[in-house]
C-alpha atoms as a PDB file:
ATOM      1  CA  MET A   1    -167.097-128.445 -31.804  1.00  0.00           C
ATOM      2  CA  ALA A   2    -165.564-125.703 -35.086  1.00  0.00           C
ATOM      3  CA  ILE A   3    -163.374-126.410 -37.598  1.00  0.00           C
ATOM      4  CA  LYS A   4    -161.323-123.546 -40.231  1.00  0.00           C
ATOM      5  CA  PHE A   5    -159.995-124.938 -42.955  1.00  0.00           C
ATOM      6  CA  HIS A   6    -156.971-122.454 -44.521  1.00  0.00           C
ATOM      7  CA  PRO A   7    -157.055-122.093 -47.685  1.00  0.00           C
ATOM      8  CA  HIS A   8    -154.445-123.794 -48.994  1.00  0.00           C
ATOM      9  CA  ALA A   9    -155.577-126.688 -46.787  1.00  0.00           C
ATOM     10  CA  ARG A  10    -158.958-126.493 -48.749  1.00  0.00           C
ATOM     11  CA  GLU A  11    -157.241-126.363 -51.857  1.00  0.00           C
ATOM     12  CA  ARG A  12    -155.243-129.494 -50.859  1.00  0.00           C
ATOM     13  CA  LEU A  13    -158.565-131.408 -50.366  1.00  0.00           C
ATOM     14  CA  TRP A  14    -158.862-133.008 -53.861  1.00  0.00           C
ATOM     15  CA  GLU A  15    -155.278-133.977 -53.934  1.00  0.00           C
ATOM     16  CA  ARG A  16    -155.393-136.617 -50.830  1.00  0.00           C
ATOM     17  CA  GLY A  17    -158.235-137.933 -52.708  1.00  0.00           C
ATOM     18  CA  THR A  18    -160.786-137.025 -49.191  1.00  0.00           C
ATOM     19  CA  SER A  19    -163.584-134.066 -48.380  1.00  0.00           C
ATOM     20  CA  GLU A  20    -164.168-130.671 -46.057  1.00  0.00           C
ATOM     21  CA  ASN A  21    -167.016-133.770 -44.507  1.00  0.00           C
ATOM     22  CA  GLU A  22    -164.570-137.034 -44.404  1.00  0.00           C
ATOM     23  CA  VAL A  23    -161.471-134.848 -42.697  1.00  0.00           C
ATOM     24  CA  ILE A  24    -163.803-133.110 -40.014  1.00  0.00           C
ATOM     25  CA  LYS A  25    -165.605-136.435 -39.004  1.00  0.00           C
ATOM     26  CA  THR A  26    -161.561-138.475 -38.485  1.00  0.00           C
ATOM     27  CA  VAL A  27    -161.416-134.661 -36.150  1.00  0.00           C
ATOM     28  CA  GLU A  28    -164.402-135.134 -34.291  1.00  0.00           C
ATOM     29  CA  THR A  29    -163.520-138.964 -33.415  1.00  0.00           C
ATOM     30  CA  GLY A  30    -160.576-139.226 -32.963  1.00  0.00           C
ATOM     31  CA  GLU A  31    -159.111-141.930 -35.797  1.00  0.00           C
ATOM     32  CA  ARG A  32    -155.557-142.392 -35.705  1.00  0.00           C
ATOM     33  CA  PHE A  33    -152.764-143.563 -38.309  1.00  0.00           C
ATOM     34  CA  SER A  34    -150.054-145.036 -37.210  1.00  0.00           C
END
């Protein structure tokens, strides 16, 4: 699956304490928060 990050989203990753790899893994595996 090809995942592209909007430049603004990429800038916000560090503010949220995550990395591109963590976000990609979450999208691919379907982890959900309730």
